[in-house]
Amino acid sequence: MKSRVVIFFLFFLLMLNSVFAGSELPDIHAIQQDLTVPCMTDGEPVSGKRVKQTLPEYRGTEIYHVLYLPIDWEKNKQFPVIVEYAGNGSYSNKFGDISTGRPEHSKLGYGVSGGKGFIWVCLPYISKDHKRNQLQWWGDVDATVDYCKKAVREICAVYGGDRSSVILAGFSRGAIACNYVGLHDDEIADIWRAFIVHSHYDGVRRWGYAEDDEKSALVRLQRLHGRAQFISHEVSANQTKGYLECTGVKGAFTFLDLPYRNHTDSWVLRDIPERRMLRDWLKSVLEKKSGM
């Protein structure tokens, strides 16, 4: 127990150093984007468009998800699927980074795919009254998990999603959701081929919501069963790396320190080496069936 406390203390010092060093790092917004995420529209899904959808049981509410069919989408052809969760809403910082908490403002799936080769769906967190998307933290976790299971089934059945190649991605709150929601129970955990986790990680720190403690997070993490996770963080991913080493859970973990000061998922919209690394990782996971 004492050695574990020492390890966490050392990583805490490293993170303090990273925080102060972060303000000296380059700003990602100074690099021009080569991708622009399509705006959400109404109407029927067609290739190259992002459309607003709602599961049948939530029609008449304000709850919705956003579906994107790639520009090379064809009926009766299978595509891997990227499922994404957004960060917390009403977030902003001094560097101009913002997060609305809304699914239409997520970016990871589009940046990773470049708009082709993958179906991309951004899912909601369900409010406790089941009437609207939850923009901050979790709302009704069980309802959110249930929505995810049903949405993935529908997308695979109707639009040709490959059930063996479903990737879960998330930024900030969404990064925590990769385990907090995505490994909530055995049924939802079985959906995923691999995970893209950017900025934060379930179990690393207490946030003040139910089951955010290490013991509960470890139960969820044990449902990973060795599957691949790409774990990135602005400035340094060392805190998450140290946490995972302390858990003793084995996994195919790939860590990336993003050399920018920004708390944002917009880095994937830029042609930088780190995006190429992420794309190569995903290609390898899908081709070699790594992390299954």
Protein backbone atom coordinates (compact mmCIF):
# COMPACT_ATOMS: atom_id res chain seq x y z
CA MET A 1 0.00 0.00 0.00
CA LYS A 2 2.84 2.36 0.92
CA SER A 3 4.58 1.82 -2.44
CA ARG A 4 1.33 2.60 -4.25
CA VAL A 5 1.00 5.89 -2.35
CA VAL A 6 4.57 6.80 -3.26
CA ILE A 7 3.93 6.05 -6.95
CA PHE A 8 0.82 8.24 -6.99
CA PHE A 9 2.70 11.03 -5.20
CA LEU A 10 5.45 10.94 -7.80
CA PHE A 11 2.95 11.07 -10.62
CA PHE A 12 1.16 13.93 -8.87
CA LEU A 13 4.42 15.87 -8.88
CA LEU A 14 4.91 15.04 -12.55
CA MET A 15 1.42 16.32 -13.32
CA LEU A 16 2.04 19.55 -11.43
CA ASN A 17 5.15 20.06 -13.50
CA SER A 18 3.15 19.27 -16.64
CA VAL A 19 0.49 21.83 -15.77
CA PHE A 20 3.03 24.61 -15.44
CA ALA A 21 4.93 23.44 -18.53
CA GLY A 22 1.68 23.23 -20.50
CA SER A 23 1.26 27.00 -20.72
CA GLU A 24 4.61 27.15 -22.52
CA LEU A 25 3.64 24.60 -25.16
CA PRO A 26 2.39 25.53 -28.66
CA ASP A 27 -1.27 26.27 -29.27
CA ILE A 28 -3.02 23.78 -31.58
CA HIS A 29 -5.22 26.55 -32.96
CA ALA A 30 -2.18 28.09 -34.64
CA ILE A 31 -2.09 25.09 -37.01
CA GLN A 32 -4.49 25.30 -39.93
CA GLN A 33 -7.19 22.65 -40.15
CA ASP A 34 -7.30 20.37 -43.18
CA LEU A 35 -10.68 18.96 -42.16
CA THR A 36 -14.00 20.59 -41.30
CA VAL A 37 -16.65 18.53 -39.54
CA PRO A 38 -19.95 18.55 -41.47
CA CYS A 39 -22.80 20.37 -39.74
CA MET A 40 -25.72 18.39 -38.37
CA THR A 41 -28.82 18.47 -40.56
CA ASP A 42 -32.29 16.97 -40.59
CA GLY A 43 -33.46 14.43 -43.13
CA GLU A 44 -32.61 10.90 -44.17
CA PRO A 45 -29.03 9.61 -43.89
CA VAL A 46 -27.02 9.72 -47.11
CA SER A 47 -23.30 9.46 -47.78
CA GLY A 48 -21.30 12.47 -46.67
CA LYS A 49 -23.97 13.98 -44.39
CA ARG A 50 -24.44 14.17 -40.63
CA VAL A 51 -28.05 13.79 -39.67
CA LYS A 52 -29.97 14.14 -36.41
CA GLN A 53 -31.73 10.95 -35.29
CA THR A 54 -33.67 9.68 -32.27
CA LEU A 55 -34.43 6.14 -31.21
CA PRO A 56 -38.17 5.36 -31.52
CA GLU A 57 -38.80 5.22 -27.77
CA TYR A 58 -37.49 8.78 -27.34
CA ARG A 59 -39.48 10.44 -30.11
CA GLY A 60 -41.32 13.42 -28.71
CA THR A 61 -38.39 14.28 -26.43
CA GLU A 62 -35.31 16.45 -27.05
CA ILE A 63 -32.99 13.43 -26.97
CA TYR A 64 -31.02 12.73 -30.14
CA HIS A 65 -27.84 11.29 -31.60
CA VAL A 66 -25.95 12.25 -34.75
CA LEU A 67 -25.18 9.79 -37.55
CA TYR A 68 -22.61 10.25 -40.31
CA LEU A 69 -22.38 7.92 -43.31
CA PRO A 70 -18.98 8.15 -45.03
CA ILE A 71 -18.57 9.58 -48.53
CA ASP A 72 -17.82 6.06 -49.81
CA TRP A 73 -20.86 4.51 -48.13
CA GLU A 74 -22.78 1.93 -50.17
CA LYS A 75 -25.90 0.00 -49.30
CA ASN A 76 -25.33 -3.69 -48.54
CA LYS A 77 -21.65 -3.06 -47.78
CA GLN A 78 -20.18 -3.27 -44.28
CA PHE A 79 -18.19 -0.51 -42.59
CA PRO A 80 -16.42 -0.26 -39.24
CA VAL A 81 -18.19 2.03 -36.79
CA ILE A 82 -16.81 4.77 -34.53
CA VAL A 83 -19.10 5.53 -31.59
CA GLU A 84 -18.25 8.78 -29.81
CA TYR A 85 -19.15 10.56 -26.58
CA ALA A 86 -18.72 14.31 -26.02
CA GLY A 87 -17.01 16.19 -23.23
CA ASN A 88 -18.81 18.23 -20.57
CA GLY A 89 -20.82 21.23 -21.64
CA SER A 90 -20.23 24.86 -20.70
CA TYR A 91 -16.46 24.38 -20.67
CA SER A 92 -14.01 27.03 -21.83
CA ASN A 93 -10.48 28.06 -20.96
CA LYS A 94 -8.03 30.90 -21.54
CA PHE A 95 -6.66 29.25 -24.69
CA GLY A 96 -9.98 29.43 -26.51
CA ASP A 97 -10.87 25.76 -26.05
CA ILE A 98 -14.58 25.08 -25.62
CA SER A 99 -16.87 22.12 -25.14
CA THR A 100 -20.65 22.36 -25.47
CA GLY A 101 -21.39 18.80 -24.37
CA ARG A 102 -23.54 18.31 -27.48
CA PRO A 103 -23.00 15.28 -29.74
CA GLU A 104 -22.93 17.37 -32.94
CA HIS A 105 -19.81 19.17 -31.74
CA SER A 106 -17.69 16.04 -31.30
CA LYS A 107 -14.73 15.66 -33.66
CA LEU A 108 -12.62 12.57 -32.98
CA GLY A 109 -14.43 10.19 -35.32
CA TYR A 110 -14.30 12.56 -38.26
CA GLY A 111 -10.66 13.41 -37.73
CA VAL A 112 -9.62 9.78 -37.43
CA SER A 113 -11.53 8.70 -40.54
CA GLY A 114 -11.23 11.81 -42.69
CA GLY A 115 -14.89 11.30 -43.52
CA LYS A 116 -14.53 8.00 -45.34
CA GLY A 117 -14.32 4.31 -44.60
CA PHE A 118 -16.16 4.52 -41.25
CA ILE A 119 -19.69 5.04 -40.08
CA TRP A 120 -19.54 7.61 -37.27
CA VAL A 121 -22.19 8.10 -34.61
CA CYS A 122 -22.13 10.55 -31.71
CA LEU A 123 -24.38 9.37 -28.90
CA PRO A 124 -26.14 11.25 -26.08
CA TYR A 125 -26.04 10.92 -22.35
CA ILE A 126 -29.66 10.65 -21.17
CA SER A 127 -31.02 13.06 -18.55
CA LYS A 128 -32.64 11.64 -15.44
CA ASP A 129 -36.10 12.70 -16.63
CA HIS A 130 -35.45 11.00 -20.02
CA LYS A 131 -36.45 14.16 -21.87
CA ARG A 132 -33.18 15.72 -23.04
CA ASN A 133 -29.51 15.13 -23.68
CA GLN A 134 -27.43 15.48 -20.52
CA LEU A 135 -24.80 18.14 -21.23
CA GLN A 136 -22.82 17.76 -18.00
CA TRP A 137 -21.77 14.44 -16.53
CA TRP A 138 -24.04 11.42 -16.64
CA GLY A 139 -27.72 11.88 -15.95
CA ASP A 140 -29.27 8.40 -16.00
CA VAL A 141 -26.33 6.06 -16.60
CA ASP A 142 -28.47 2.96 -17.11
CA ALA A 143 -30.61 4.76 -19.71
CA THR A 144 -27.46 6.03 -21.45
CA VAL A 145 -26.05 2.51 -21.60
CA ASP A 146 -29.35 1.15 -22.92
CA TYR A 147 -29.51 3.86 -25.60
CA CYS A 148 -26.01 2.97 -26.71
CA LYS A 149 -26.75 -0.74 -27.04
CA LYS A 150 -29.89 -0.09 -29.08
CA ALA A 151 -28.32 2.59 -31.30
CA VAL A 152 -25.34 0.40 -32.20
CA ARG A 153 -27.64 -2.52 -33.04
CA GLU A 154 -29.80 -0.30 -35.24
CA ILE A 155 -26.86 1.30 -37.05
CA CYS A 156 -25.29 -2.07 -37.78
CA ALA A 157 -28.57 -3.61 -38.94
CA VAL A 158 -29.83 -0.70 -41.04
CA TYR A 159 -26.69 1.02 -42.35
CA GLY A 160 -24.17 -1.80 -42.63
CA GLY A 161 -22.09 -1.33 -39.52
CA ASP A 162 -19.66 -4.18 -38.91
CA ARG A 163 -20.49 -5.58 -35.46
CA SER A 164 -16.97 -7.00 -35.17
CA SER A 165 -15.34 -3.60 -35.76
CA VAL A 166 -17.01 -1.08 -33.45
CA ILE A 167 -14.66 1.46 -31.86
CA LEU A 168 -15.59 3.58 -28.82
CA ALA A 169 -14.09 7.08 -28.68
CA GLY A 170 -14.42 10.06 -26.38
CA PHE A 171 -12.91 13.37 -25.32
CA SER A 172 -12.71 14.62 -21.70
CA ARG A 173 -16.01 13.48 -20.10
CA GLY A 174 -16.27 11.25 -23.17
CA ALA A 175 -12.83 9.81 -22.46
CA ILE A 176 -13.99 8.84 -18.98
CA ALA A 177 -17.17 7.46 -20.58
CA CYS A 178 -15.13 4.97 -22.59
CA ASN A 179 -14.88 2.91 -19.41
CA TYR A 180 -17.58 4.44 -17.19
CA VAL A 181 -20.27 3.87 -19.84
CA GLY A 182 -18.55 1.57 -22.31
CA LEU A 183 -17.54 -1.00 -19.68
CA HIS A 184 -20.60 -0.47 -17.48
CA ASP A 185 -21.72 -4.10 -17.80
CA ASP A 186 -20.70 -7.23 -19.68
CA GLU A 187 -23.21 -6.71 -22.49
CA ILE A 188 -22.08 -3.23 -23.50
CA ALA A 189 -18.42 -4.14 -22.93
CA ASP A 190 -18.74 -6.91 -25.53
CA ILE A 191 -19.64 -4.38 -28.25
CA TRP A 192 -16.21 -2.80 -28.58
CA ARG A 193 -13.22 -3.80 -30.66
CA ALA A 194 -11.00 -1.02 -29.27
CA PHE A 195 -11.10 2.43 -27.64
CA ILE A 196 -9.83 5.95 -28.40
CA VAL A 197 -9.53 7.82 -25.09
CA HIS A 198 -8.46 11.48 -25.26
CA SER A 199 -7.85 13.61 -22.17
CA HIS A 200 -8.87 12.03 -18.83
CA TYR A 201 -9.49 8.44 -17.80
CA ASP A 202 -11.97 6.62 -15.57
CA GLY A 203 -10.58 6.05 -12.07
CA VAL A 204 -7.59 8.38 -12.21
CA ARG A 205 -9.21 11.01 -10.00
CA ARG A 206 -12.43 11.63 -8.04
CA TRP A 207 -14.97 13.92 -9.74
CA GLY A 208 -17.85 13.73 -7.28
CA TYR A 209 -20.33 11.46 -9.04
CA ALA A 210 -21.45 7.96 -8.09
CA GLU A 211 -18.88 5.16 -8.43
CA ASP A 212 -15.99 7.41 -9.43
CA ASP A 213 -13.76 5.67 -6.87
CA GLU A 214 -10.81 3.41 -7.71
CA LYS A 215 -12.54 0.22 -6.61
CA SER A 216 -15.57 0.80 -8.85
CA ALA A 217 -13.38 1.89 -11.76
CA LEU A 218 -11.31 -1.28 -11.39
CA VAL A 219 -14.43 -3.44 -11.70
CA ARG A 220 -15.20 -1.71 -14.99
CA LEU A 221 -11.61 -1.88 -16.21
CA GLN A 222 -11.51 -5.64 -15.69
CA ARG A 223 -14.17 -5.93 -18.42
CA LEU A 224 -11.60 -4.65 -20.92
CA HIS A 225 -10.18 -8.17 -21.32
CA GLY A 226 -6.98 -7.05 -23.01
CA ARG A 227 -8.54 -5.04 -25.81
CA ALA A 228 -6.62 -2.13 -27.29
CA GLN A 229 -6.89 1.42 -25.99
CA PHE A 230 -5.25 4.48 -27.54
CA ILE A 231 -4.83 6.88 -24.62
CA SER A 232 -3.79 10.47 -25.33
CA HIS A 233 -3.65 13.62 -23.25
CA GLU A 234 -2.54 17.19 -23.78
CA VAL A 235 0.92 17.78 -22.32
CA SER A 236 1.29 14.34 -20.69
CA ALA A 237 -0.52 11.02 -20.35
CA ASN A 238 1.76 9.97 -17.47
CA GLN A 239 -0.93 10.18 -14.80
CA THR A 240 -3.14 7.69 -16.64
CA LYS A 241 -0.15 5.49 -17.40
CA GLY A 242 0.81 5.43 -13.73
CA TYR A 243 -2.75 4.66 -12.68
CA LEU A 244 -3.02 1.72 -15.06
CA GLU A 245 0.32 0.34 -13.92
CA CYS A 246 -0.93 0.43 -10.32
CA THR A 247 -4.14 -1.46 -11.17
CA GLY A 248 -2.20 -4.44 -12.50
CA VAL A 249 -4.79 -4.85 -15.27
CA LYS A 250 -3.22 -6.02 -18.50
CA GLY A 251 -4.22 -4.33 -21.72
CA ALA A 252 -2.91 -3.31 -25.11
CA PHE A 253 -2.39 0.31 -24.03
CA THR A 254 -0.83 2.87 -26.38
CA PHE A 255 0.00 6.24 -24.80
CA LEU A 256 0.47 9.58 -26.54
CA ASP A 257 1.63 12.85 -24.98
CA LEU A 258 0.09 15.52 -27.20
CA PRO A 259 2.63 18.38 -27.39
CA TYR A 260 0.03 21.16 -27.26
CA ARG A 261 -1.45 23.06 -24.34
CA ASN A 262 -5.06 22.76 -25.44
CA HIS A 263 -7.86 20.76 -23.84
CA THR A 264 -9.68 19.97 -27.08
CA ASP A 265 -10.53 17.21 -29.53
CA SER A 266 -9.90 19.49 -32.52
CA TRP A 267 -6.29 18.31 -32.88
CA VAL A 268 -7.53 15.45 -35.07
CA LEU A 269 -8.70 17.99 -37.67
CA ARG A 270 -5.09 18.90 -38.42
CA ASP A 271 -2.39 17.10 -40.37
CA ILE A 272 0.05 16.55 -37.51
CA PRO A 273 2.24 13.52 -36.68
CA GLU A 274 0.04 12.60 -33.72
CA ARG A 275 -3.02 12.20 -35.94
CA ARG A 276 -1.03 10.00 -38.30
CA MET A 277 0.01 7.89 -35.32
CA LEU A 278 -3.63 7.49 -34.24
CA ARG A 279 -4.72 6.54 -37.75
CA ASP A 280 -1.91 3.98 -38.06
CA TRP A 281 -2.90 2.50 -34.70
CA LEU A 282 -6.53 2.15 -35.75
CA LYS A 283 -5.58 0.60 -39.07
CA SER A 284 -3.41 -1.93 -37.24
CA VAL A 285 -6.18 -2.77 -34.76
CA LEU A 286 -8.65 -3.46 -37.55
CA GLU A 287 -6.27 -5.32 -39.88
CA LYS A 288 -4.59 -7.53 -37.31
CA LYS A 289 -7.67 -7.97 -35.15
CA SER A 290 -5.56 -6.64 -32.30
CA GLY A 291 -7.22 -6.24 -28.93
CA MET A 292 -10.00 -8.77 -29.54
